[in-house]
Amino acid sequence: MHLPKYHQIYLVLREQLHEGHFAQGLPGELALMAQFDVARVTVRRALEQLAREGLIARNPGRRTRALAPPASSDGPNGHGMESAHLHGLLENLVTMGLHTSVNVIEVATITASTPVAQALQLQLGDPVQKAVRVRSTREGPLSHITTYVPDSIARRFGRRELSKKPILVLLEESGVKVGRAHQTISARLADNTLAQHLDMSVGAALLAVRRLIYDADGQPVQWLHGLYRPDRYTYEMQLSRMGSIDAKVWTSQDMSARPVQFN
């Protein structure tokens, strides 16, 4: 089913709001019209939907501002996110990293926003390394990855190292003993920046992965936001039934993330 353009814009902006974008206010209607190549009425419908959900406040003559999203149980410490132990996952992610090329878009030390501070159990404003990379296979762009790592760990590697090795390898080389992870997989639509990096159209569907990595002592050491082209990436899980033959509970034994193989 084809989504109306205003609804695509609403979904893109809603995702960006939940990620903590627009701390200084949303772009104006003209900027959004140019970004999404749509008419003003389309932008206004998207903004009206966000306002109805209490995500933004619109005041005539003033910049549209973001409002704090409602608390959710789907966050890193909530019950809506299943715990994913790294048995098999770490090895698969590192292998994928070694068999793809990477373009480092950005590496910078920034102050932790509220979502980043909460995820990494830091104080608001603490320094963290933000790294943005695009991974590609020989067929073209595969993923757009944004990672946040506490500065106390990330100061041991920078742009050069990130262009050569998977970040999980760099964490372990920095003395981190990776323990477990929380992960969610969902979907989102490509905005204009993602569309350019992943060679897709604005509004195209992406596989969205959020992964919070903990060390062996249970301290968060990396928060990852990954956007993947669904035609070039697959995610697989091996499941086993728990209990008797009538049991309805399944447990995961292994997880693998890999690019789609082309003949």
C-alpha atoms as a PDB file:
ATOM      1  CA  MET A   1       0.000   0.000   0.000  1.00  0.00           C
ATOM      2  CA  HIS A   2       1.391   3.404  -0.986  1.00  0.00           C
ATOM      3  CA  LEU A   3       1.580   5.887   1.873  1.00  0.00           C
ATOM      4  CA  PRO A   4       0.474   9.471   1.201  1.00  0.00           C
ATOM      5  CA  LYS A   5       3.397  11.868   0.945  1.00  0.00           C
ATOM      6  CA  TYR A   6       2.374  13.842   4.037  1.00  0.00           C
ATOM      7  CA  HIS A   7       2.349  10.627   6.067  1.00  0.00           C
ATOM      8  CA  GLN A   8       5.836   9.699   4.846  1.00  0.00           C
ATOM      9  CA  ILE A   9       7.091  13.113   5.966  1.00  0.00           C
ATOM     10  CA  TYR A  10       5.313  12.718   9.301  1.00  0.00           C
ATOM     11  CA  LEU A  11       6.996   9.336   9.865  1.00  0.00           C
ATOM     12  CA  VAL A  12      10.458  10.681   9.004  1.00  0.00           C
ATOM     13  CA  LEU A  13      10.069  13.701  11.292  1.00  0.00           C
ATOM     14  CA  ARG A  14       8.599  11.624  14.103  1.00  0.00           C
ATOM     15  CA  GLU A  15      11.612   9.305  14.030  1.00  0.00           C
ATOM     16  CA  GLN A  16      13.987  12.266  14.076  1.00  0.00           C
ATOM     17  CA  LEU A  17      12.110  13.793  17.005  1.00  0.00           C
ATOM     18  CA  HIS A  18      12.399  10.571  18.994  1.00  0.00           C
ATOM     19  CA  GLU A  19      16.131  10.525  18.232  1.00  0.00           C
ATOM     20  CA  GLY A  20      16.523  13.935  19.834  1.00  0.00           C
ATOM     21  CA  HIS A  21      16.904  16.028  16.690  1.00  0.00           C
ATOM     22  CA  PHE A  22      15.613  19.599  16.493  1.00  0.00           C
ATOM     23  CA  ALA A  23      16.692  20.691  19.974  1.00  0.00           C
ATOM     24  CA  GLN A  24      16.797  24.231  18.564  1.00  0.00           C
ATOM     25  CA  GLY A  25      13.471  23.894  16.785  1.00  0.00           C
ATOM     26  CA  LEU A  26      12.199  22.275  13.603  1.00  0.00           C
ATOM     27  CA  PRO A  27      13.073  23.656  10.167  1.00  0.00           C
ATOM     28  CA  GLY A  28      10.540  26.113   8.788  1.00  0.00           C
ATOM     29  CA  GLU A  29       7.849  25.133   6.315  1.00  0.00           C
ATOM     30  CA  LEU A  30       9.844  26.454   3.347  1.00  0.00           C
ATOM     31  CA  ALA A  31      12.898  24.410   4.344  1.00  0.00           C
ATOM     32  CA  LEU A  32      10.787  21.279   4.737  1.00  0.00           C
ATOM     33  CA  MET A  33       9.118  21.915   1.381  1.00  0.00           C
ATOM     34  CA  ALA A  34      12.551  22.051  -0.247  1.00  0.00           C
ATOM     35  CA  GLN A  35      13.849  19.038   1.668  1.00  0.00           C
ATOM     36  CA  PHE A  36      10.981  16.756   0.690  1.00  0.00           C
ATOM     37  CA  ASP A  37      10.121  18.450  -2.621  1.00  0.00           C
ATOM     38  CA  VAL A  38       6.452  18.890  -1.742  1.00  0.00           C
ATOM     39  CA  ALA A  39       3.864  21.654  -1.505  1.00  0.00           C
ATOM     40  CA  ARG A  40       3.215  23.663   1.656  1.00  0.00           C
ATOM     41  CA  VAL A  41      -0.140  21.954   2.266  1.00  0.00           C
ATOM     42  CA  THR A  42       1.646  18.573   2.423  1.00  0.00           C
ATOM     43  CA  VAL A  43       4.164  19.827   4.981  1.00  0.00           C
ATOM     44  CA  ARG A  44       1.412  21.385   7.060  1.00  0.00           C
ATOM     45  CA  ARG A  45      -0.562  18.128   7.185  1.00  0.00           C
ATOM     46  CA  ALA A  46       2.526  16.305   8.471  1.00  0.00           C
ATOM     47  CA  LEU A  47       3.169  18.975  11.106  1.00  0.00           C
ATOM     48  CA  GLU A  48      -0.463  18.963  12.178  1.00  0.00           C
ATOM     49  CA  GLN A  49      -0.266  15.221  12.778  1.00  0.00           C
ATOM     50  CA  LEU A  50       2.863  15.659  14.923  1.00  0.00           C
ATOM     51  CA  ALA A  51       1.149  18.434  16.874  1.00  0.00           C
ATOM     52  CA  ARG A  52      -1.935  16.277  17.499  1.00  0.00           C
ATOM     53  CA  GLU A  53       0.330  13.621  19.014  1.00  0.00           C
ATOM     54  CA  GLY A  54       1.945  16.164  21.310  1.00  0.00           C
ATOM     55  CA  LEU A  55       5.388  15.882  19.705  1.00  0.00           C
ATOM     56  CA  ILE A  56       5.675  19.513  18.590  1.00  0.00           C
ATOM     57  CA  ALA A  57       4.256  22.895  19.563  1.00  0.00           C
ATOM     58  CA  ARG A  58       3.303  25.287  16.769  1.00  0.00           C
ATOM     59  CA  ASN A  59       2.892  28.978  17.539  1.00  0.00           C
ATOM     60  CA  PRO A  60       2.167  31.545  14.802  1.00  0.00           C
ATOM     61  CA  GLY A  61       5.170  33.734  14.121  1.00  0.00           C
ATOM     62  CA  ARG A  62       7.502  31.534  16.179  1.00  0.00           C
ATOM     63  CA  ARG A  63       9.650  28.556  15.330  1.00  0.00           C
ATOM     64  CA  THR A  64       8.024  25.160  15.753  1.00  0.00           C
ATOM     65  CA  ARG A  65       9.607  23.469  18.760  1.00  0.00           C
ATOM     66  CA  ALA A  66       9.952  19.847  19.765  1.00  0.00           C
ATOM     67  CA  LEU A  67       8.242  18.579  22.902  1.00  0.00           C
ATOM     68  CA  ALA A  68       9.564  15.781  25.074  1.00  0.00           C
ATOM     69  CA  PRO A  69       8.199  12.444  23.769  1.00  0.00           C
ATOM     70  CA  PRO A  70       6.168  10.375  26.216  1.00  0.00           C
ATOM     71  CA  ALA A  71       8.046   7.823  28.277  1.00  0.00           C
ATOM     72  CA  SER A  72       8.163   4.435  26.614  1.00  0.00           C
ATOM     73  CA  SER A  73       8.856   0.953  27.870  1.00  0.00           C
ATOM     74  CA  ASP A  74      10.668   0.190  24.631  1.00  0.00           C
ATOM     75  CA  GLY A  75      13.876   1.949  25.634  1.00  0.00           C
ATOM     76  CA  PRO A  76      17.181   0.366  26.633  1.00  0.00           C
ATOM     77  CA  ASN A  77      15.951  -0.403  30.135  1.00  0.00           C
ATOM     78  CA  GLY A  78      12.300  -1.086  29.360  1.00  0.00           C
ATOM     79  CA  HIS A  79      10.426  -4.337  29.048  1.00  0.00           C
ATOM     80  CA  GLY A  80       9.603  -3.783  25.376  1.00  0.00           C
ATOM     81  CA  MET A  81      13.138  -4.623  24.251  1.00  0.00           C
ATOM     82  CA  GLU A  82      14.343  -8.196  24.399  1.00  0.00           C
ATOM     83  CA  SER A  83      17.850  -8.889  25.640  1.00  0.00           C
ATOM     84  CA  ALA A  84      20.086 -10.188  22.879  1.00  0.00           C
ATOM     85  CA  HIS A  85      23.169 -12.004  24.103  1.00  0.00           C
ATOM     86  CA  LEU A  86      26.126 -11.735  21.777  1.00  0.00           C
ATOM     87  CA  HIS A  87      26.608 -15.446  21.188  1.00  0.00           C
ATOM     88  CA  GLY A  88      27.257 -15.568  17.452  1.00  0.00           C
ATOM     89  CA  LEU A  89      26.105 -11.987  16.860  1.00  0.00           C
ATOM     90  CA  LEU A  90      29.473 -10.404  17.630  1.00  0.00           C
ATOM     91  CA  GLU A  91      31.284 -12.757  15.292  1.00  0.00           C
ATOM     92  CA  ASN A  92      28.792 -12.169  12.476  1.00  0.00           C
ATOM     93  CA  LEU A  93      28.933  -8.390  12.827  1.00  0.00           C
ATOM     94  CA  VAL A  94      32.713  -8.352  12.833  1.00  0.00           C
ATOM     95  CA  THR A  95      32.816 -10.658   9.818  1.00  0.00           C
ATOM     96  CA  MET A  96      30.386  -8.401   7.949  1.00  0.00           C
ATOM     97  CA  GLY A  97      32.557  -5.420   8.824  1.00  0.00           C
ATOM     98  CA  LEU A  98      35.627  -7.122   7.413  1.00  0.00           C
ATOM     99  CA  HIS A  99      33.864  -7.967   4.140  1.00  0.00           C
ATOM    100  CA  THR A 100      32.439  -4.528   3.394  1.00  0.00           C
ATOM    101  CA  SER A 101      34.034  -1.182   2.658  1.00  0.00           C
ATOM    102  CA  VAL A 102      33.390   1.836   4.852  1.00  0.00           C
ATOM    103  CA  ASN A 103      33.187   5.566   4.254  1.00  0.00           C
ATOM    104  CA  VAL A 104      33.588   7.609   7.432  1.00  0.00           C
ATOM    105  CA  ILE A 105      31.218  10.568   7.111  1.00  0.00           C
ATOM    106  CA  GLU A 106      31.761  12.181  10.504  1.00  0.00           C
ATOM    107  CA  VAL A 107      33.713  11.669  13.713  1.00  0.00           C
ATOM    108  CA  ALA A 108      33.323  14.239  16.471  1.00  0.00           C
ATOM    109  CA  THR A 109      33.303  14.609  20.221  1.00  0.00           C
ATOM    110  CA  ILE A 110      29.932  16.022  21.233  1.00  0.00           C
ATOM    111  CA  THR A 111      28.018  16.580  24.446  1.00  0.00           C
ATOM    112  CA  ALA A 112      25.557  13.828  25.271  1.00  0.00           C
ATOM    113  CA  SER A 113      21.942  14.697  24.538  1.00  0.00           C
ATOM    114  CA  THR A 114      19.215  13.377  26.816  1.00  0.00           C
ATOM    115  CA  PRO A 115      18.597  10.156  24.799  1.00  0.00           C
ATOM    116  CA  VAL A 116      22.330   9.434  24.487  1.00  0.00           C
ATOM    117  CA  ALA A 117      23.008  10.157  28.162  1.00  0.00           C
ATOM    118  CA  GLN A 118      20.142   7.928  29.252  1.00  0.00           C
ATOM    119  CA  ALA A 119      21.218   5.059  27.004  1.00  0.00           C
ATOM    120  CA  LEU A 120      24.897   5.180  28.010  1.00  0.00           C
ATOM    121  CA  GLN A 121      24.134   5.988  31.667  1.00  0.00           C
ATOM    122  CA  LEU A 122      26.029   9.262  31.527  1.00  0.00           C
ATOM    123  CA  GLN A 123      25.298  12.753  32.763  1.00  0.00           C
ATOM    124  CA  LEU A 124      23.604  15.142  30.367  1.00  0.00           C
ATOM    125  CA  GLY A 125      26.374  17.015  28.557  1.00  0.00           C
ATOM    126  CA  ASP A 126      29.114  14.453  29.183  1.00  0.00           C
ATOM    127  CA  PRO A 127      31.499  14.055  26.204  1.00  0.00           C
ATOM    128  CA  VAL A 128      30.823  11.203  23.786  1.00  0.00           C
ATOM    129  CA  GLN A 129      32.218  10.259  20.409  1.00  0.00           C
ATOM    130  CA  LYS A 130      29.681  10.373  17.595  1.00  0.00           C
ATOM    131  CA  ALA A 131      30.731   8.513  14.457  1.00  0.00           C
ATOM    132  CA  VAL A 132      28.729   8.271  11.238  1.00  0.00           C
ATOM    133  CA  ARG A 133      29.743   5.716   8.630  1.00  0.00           C
ATOM    134  CA  VAL A 134      28.308   4.258   5.440  1.00  0.00           C
ATOM    135  CA  ARG A 135      29.137   0.638   4.679  1.00  0.00           C
ATOM    136  CA  SER A 136      28.979  -0.731   1.158  1.00  0.00           C
ATOM    137  CA  THR A 137      29.250  -4.014  -0.670  1.00  0.00           C
ATOM    138  CA  ARG A 138      30.388  -4.303  -4.254  1.00  0.00           C
ATOM    139  CA  GLU A 139      26.738  -3.758  -5.277  1.00  0.00           C
ATOM    140  CA  GLY A 140      26.586  -0.367  -3.552  1.00  0.00           C
ATOM    141  CA  PRO A 141      25.663   1.219  -0.194  1.00  0.00           C
ATOM    142  CA  LEU A 142      24.425  -1.179   2.449  1.00  0.00           C
ATOM    143  CA  SER A 143      24.019   0.728   5.710  1.00  0.00           C
ATOM    144  CA  HIS A 144      24.186   4.102   7.424  1.00  0.00           C
ATOM    145  CA  ILE A 145      25.528   3.638  10.948  1.00  0.00           C
ATOM    146  CA  THR A 146      25.683   6.179  13.762  1.00  0.00           C
ATOM    147  CA  THR A 147      27.474   5.164  16.956  1.00  0.00           C
ATOM    148  CA  TYR A 148      27.856   6.879  20.314  1.00  0.00           C
ATOM    149  CA  VAL A 149      30.707   5.823  22.611  1.00  0.00           C
ATOM    150  CA  PRO A 150      31.737   7.378  25.952  1.00  0.00           C
ATOM    151  CA  ASP A 151      34.737   9.638  25.485  1.00  0.00           C
ATOM    152  CA  SER A 152      36.715   7.737  28.112  1.00  0.00           C
ATOM    153  CA  ILE A 153      36.741   4.769  25.728  1.00  0.00           C
ATOM    154  CA  ALA A 154      36.551   6.465  22.323  1.00  0.00           C
ATOM    155  CA  ARG A 155      39.608   8.656  22.865  1.00  0.00           C
ATOM    156  CA  ARG A 156      41.658   5.549  22.009  1.00  0.00           C
ATOM    157  CA  PHE A 157      40.488   5.537  18.362  1.00  0.00           C
ATOM    158  CA  GLY A 158      39.448   8.037  15.720  1.00  0.00           C
ATOM    159  CA  ARG A 159      38.658   8.487  12.043  1.00  0.00           C
ATOM    160  CA  ARG A 160      41.647   6.496  10.770  1.00  0.00           C
ATOM    161  CA  GLU A 161      40.921   3.473  12.962  1.00  0.00           C
ATOM    162  CA  LEU A 162      37.184   3.609  12.235  1.00  0.00           C
ATOM    163  CA  SER A 163      37.914   3.524   8.512  1.00  0.00           C
ATOM    164  CA  LYS A 164      39.913   0.310   8.877  1.00  0.00           C
ATOM    165  CA  LYS A 165      38.289  -1.836  11.565  1.00  0.00           C
ATOM    166  CA  PRO A 166      34.789  -2.672  12.865  1.00  0.00           C
ATOM    167  CA  ILE A 167      34.018  -0.642  15.972  1.00  0.00           C
ATOM    168  CA  LEU A 168      33.467  -3.772  18.066  1.00  0.00           C
ATOM    169  CA  VAL A 169      37.058  -4.765  17.346  1.00  0.00           C
ATOM    170  CA  LEU A 170      38.217  -1.273  18.324  1.00  0.00           C
ATOM    171  CA  LEU A 171      36.286  -1.493  21.591  1.00  0.00           C
ATOM    172  CA  GLU A 172      37.977  -4.741  22.508  1.00  0.00           C
ATOM    173  CA  GLU A 173      41.379  -3.386  21.480  1.00  0.00           C
ATOM    174  CA  SER A 174      40.666  -0.491  23.847  1.00  0.00           C
ATOM    175  CA  GLY A 175      40.315  -2.920  26.732  1.00  0.00           C
ATOM    176  CA  VAL A 176      36.538  -3.365  26.703  1.00  0.00           C
ATOM    177  CA  LYS A 177      35.306  -6.890  27.322  1.00  0.00           C
ATOM    178  CA  VAL A 178      32.010  -7.024  25.459  1.00  0.00           C
ATOM    179  CA  GLY A 179      29.315  -8.781  27.466  1.00  0.00           C
ATOM    180  CA  ARG A 180      25.756  -8.472  26.154  1.00  0.00           C
ATOM    181  CA  ALA A 181      23.464  -6.286  24.082  1.00  0.00           C
ATOM    182  CA  HIS A 182      19.912  -4.975  23.894  1.00  0.00           C
ATOM    183  CA  GLN A 183      18.590  -4.625  20.378  1.00  0.00           C
ATOM    184  CA  THR A 184      15.429  -3.584  18.591  1.00  0.00           C
ATOM    185  CA  ILE A 185      14.618  -3.970  14.921  1.00  0.00           C
ATOM    186  CA  SER A 186      11.957  -1.837  13.307  1.00  0.00           C
ATOM    187  CA  ALA A 187      11.372   0.145  10.130  1.00  0.00           C
ATOM    188  CA  ARG A 188      11.628   3.786   9.157  1.00  0.00           C
ATOM    189  CA  LEU A 189      11.596   5.890   6.011  1.00  0.00           C
ATOM    190  CA  ALA A 190      14.606   7.505   4.399  1.00  0.00           C
ATOM    191  CA  ASP A 191      14.951  11.264   4.762  1.00  0.00           C
ATOM    192  CA  ASN A 192      16.908  13.273   2.221  1.00  0.00           C
ATOM    193  CA  THR A 193      20.291  12.693   3.915  1.00  0.00           C
ATOM    194  CA  LEU A 194      19.818   8.942   4.206  1.00  0.00           C
ATOM    195  CA  ALA A 195      18.475   8.748   0.673  1.00  0.00           C
ATOM    196  CA  GLN A 196      21.628  10.387  -0.679  1.00  0.00           C
ATOM    197  CA  HIS A 197      24.015   8.185   1.309  1.00  0.00           C
ATOM    198  CA  LEU A 198      22.184   4.930   0.552  1.00  0.00           C
ATOM    199  CA  ASP A 199      21.323   5.728  -3.088  1.00  0.00           C
ATOM    200  CA  MET A 200      17.570   5.483  -2.481  1.00  0.00           C
ATOM    201  CA  SER A 201      14.577   7.740  -2.912  1.00  0.00           C
ATOM    202  CA  VAL A 202      13.254   9.923  -0.078  1.00  0.00           C
ATOM    203  CA  GLY A 203      10.530   7.996   1.739  1.00  0.00           C
ATOM    204  CA  ALA A 204      11.929   4.560   0.843  1.00  0.00           C
ATOM    205  CA  ALA A 205      11.634   1.896   3.541  1.00  0.00           C
ATOM    206  CA  LEU A 206      14.705   1.043   5.624  1.00  0.00           C
ATOM    207  CA  LEU A 207      15.418  -1.600   8.227  1.00  0.00           C
ATOM    208  CA  ALA A 208      16.201   0.234  11.478  1.00  0.00           C
ATOM    209  CA  VAL A 209      18.399  -1.399  14.118  1.00  0.00           C
ATOM    210  CA  ARG A 210      19.191   0.037  17.537  1.00  0.00           C
ATOM    211  CA  ARG A 211      21.796  -1.805  19.552  1.00  0.00           C
ATOM    212  CA  LEU A 212      23.079  -0.983  23.020  1.00  0.00           C
ATOM    213  CA  ILE A 213      26.298  -2.832  23.840  1.00  0.00           C
ATOM    214  CA  TYR A 214      27.314  -3.528  27.449  1.00  0.00           C
ATOM    215  CA  ASP A 215      30.658  -4.613  28.817  1.00  0.00           C
ATOM    216  CA  ALA A 216      31.110  -7.663  31.043  1.00  0.00           C
ATOM    217  CA  ASP A 217      30.308  -5.539  34.107  1.00  0.00           C
ATOM    218  CA  GLY A 218      26.988  -4.366  32.666  1.00  0.00           C
ATOM    219  CA  GLN A 219      28.123  -0.840  31.791  1.00  0.00           C
ATOM    220  CA  PRO A 220      26.906   0.535  28.420  1.00  0.00           C
ATOM    221  CA  VAL A 221      29.849   1.129  26.074  1.00  0.00           C
ATOM    222  CA  GLN A 222      28.226   1.784  22.700  1.00  0.00           C
ATOM    223  CA  TRP A 223      24.834   2.888  21.363  1.00  0.00           C
ATOM    224  CA  LEU A 224      24.281   2.196  17.684  1.00  0.00           C
ATOM    225  CA  HIS A 225      21.633   3.453  15.278  1.00  0.00           C
ATOM    226  CA  GLY A 226      21.780   1.486  12.036  1.00  0.00           C
ATOM    227  CA  LEU A 227      19.708   2.052   8.895  1.00  0.00           C
ATOM    228  CA  TYR A 228      19.946  -0.731   6.309  1.00  0.00           C
ATOM    229  CA  ARG A 229      18.751  -1.190   2.741  1.00  0.00           C
ATOM    230  CA  PRO A 230      16.372  -4.162   2.997  1.00  0.00           C
ATOM    231  CA  ASP A 231      17.331  -5.380  -0.471  1.00  0.00           C
ATOM    232  CA  ARG A 232      20.982  -5.763   0.567  1.00  0.00           C
ATOM    233  CA  TYR A 233      20.751  -6.919   4.169  1.00  0.00           C
ATOM    234  CA  THR A 234      19.224  -9.875   5.982  1.00  0.00           C
ATOM    235  CA  TYR A 235      18.863 -10.653   9.671  1.00  0.00           C
ATOM    236  CA  GLU A 236      18.393 -14.243  10.748  1.00  0.00           C
ATOM    237  CA  MET A 237      17.682 -15.986  14.073  1.00  0.00           C
ATOM    238  CA  GLN A 238      17.782 -19.639  15.045  1.00  0.00           C
ATOM    239  CA  LEU A 239      14.879 -20.458  17.383  1.00  0.00           C
ATOM    240  CA  SER A 240      14.283 -23.433  19.676  1.00  0.00           C
ATOM    241  CA  ARG A 241      11.065 -24.393  21.427  1.00  0.00           C
ATOM    242  CA  MET A 242      11.254 -24.304  25.226  1.00  0.00           C
ATOM    243  CA  GLY A 243       9.472 -26.914  27.310  1.00  0.00           C
ATOM    244  CA  SER A 244       7.071 -29.602  26.140  1.00  0.00           C
ATOM    245  CA  ILE A 245       5.764 -30.205  22.650  1.00  0.00           C
ATOM    246  CA  ASP A 246       2.817 -27.902  23.437  1.00  0.00           C
ATOM    247  CA  ALA A 247       5.020 -25.029  24.592  1.00  0.00           C
ATOM    248  CA  LYS A 248       4.472 -21.745  22.847  1.00  0.00           C
ATOM    249  CA  VAL A 249       7.668 -20.063  24.027  1.00  0.00           C
ATOM    250  CA  TRP A 250      10.685 -19.863  21.752  1.00  0.00           C
ATOM    251  CA  THR A 251      14.227 -18.886  22.652  1.00  0.00           C
ATOM    252  CA  SER A 252      16.912 -17.637  20.284  1.00  0.00           C
ATOM    253  CA  GLN A 253      20.128 -19.623  20.087  1.00  0.00           C
ATOM    254  CA  ASP A 254      22.034 -17.616  17.538  1.00  0.00           C
ATOM    255  CA  MET A 255      21.676 -14.461  15.484  1.00  0.00           C
ATOM    256  CA  SER A 256      23.378 -13.448  12.288  1.00  0.00           C
ATOM    257  CA  ALA A 257      23.447 -10.207  10.394  1.00  0.00           C
ATOM    258  CA  ARG A 258      24.837 -10.245   6.908  1.00  0.00           C
ATOM    259  CA  PRO A 259      24.646  -8.577   3.519  1.00  0.00           C
ATOM    260  CA  VAL A 260      22.483 -10.292   0.924  1.00  0.00           C
ATOM    261  CA  GLN A 261      24.630 -12.462  -1.305  1.00  0.00           C
ATOM    262  CA  PHE A 262      24.426 -11.735  -5.020  1.00  0.00           C
ATOM    263  CA  ASN A 263      25.367 -14.211  -7.748  1.00  0.00           C
END
